[in-house]
Amino acid sequence: MKRAVTILLLLFVAAAVAWEFAGPDRSKAQTDPCAAEPAPVEGRKLIAYYFYGDRRCATCIKIENYAREALEKAFPAAFRSGELEWREVNYERPENEHFAEEYELVSSSLVLVDTVDGKQRAWRNLDEVWDRIRDEADFRSYVVEQTRSFLGHDS
């Protein structure tokens, strides 16, 4: 009887190990979902990139939070439809260094990128976020107005 239980237990362990190795490779799961570019999406999309570096000050974090909250509140339908997307990217990582050159980044920045069928059409660095961060209402208004203009929602 003991031998039968031992054999069943060993078979169970072997099956569990085989199941784990036959399943999807979880070791390749990306730790930073923003580090790689997602597959191109058909149609028009505006990507709001928040670029940050390895060292983040309190103001950098505040810019990120205010900008994301302002966009989510002002454009919920655009987020739901996929017309607007938020991405956070550490531009100091080797795989993301091209962003620093492409968008002329020197510090944490909010950059709007207009794409059509996954190809960049235009971009705008909202460089006034640093000047406006001390006035939260002004900051949020600036981000929303710039995004609305870039989306073509000038109402």
Foldseek 3Di string as FASTA:
>chain_A
DVVVVVVVVVVVVVVVVVVVVVDDDPVPDDPFPQLDDDDFDAFKAKEKEWEAAPDDDPLSVLLVVLLVVLCCVLCVVCVVVRNYYYGYYHCPDPSNVVCCVVVVDDHTWIKIFMDHRRHTDDMDILVCLVVCSVPSVVNSVSSSCVVCVVSVVND
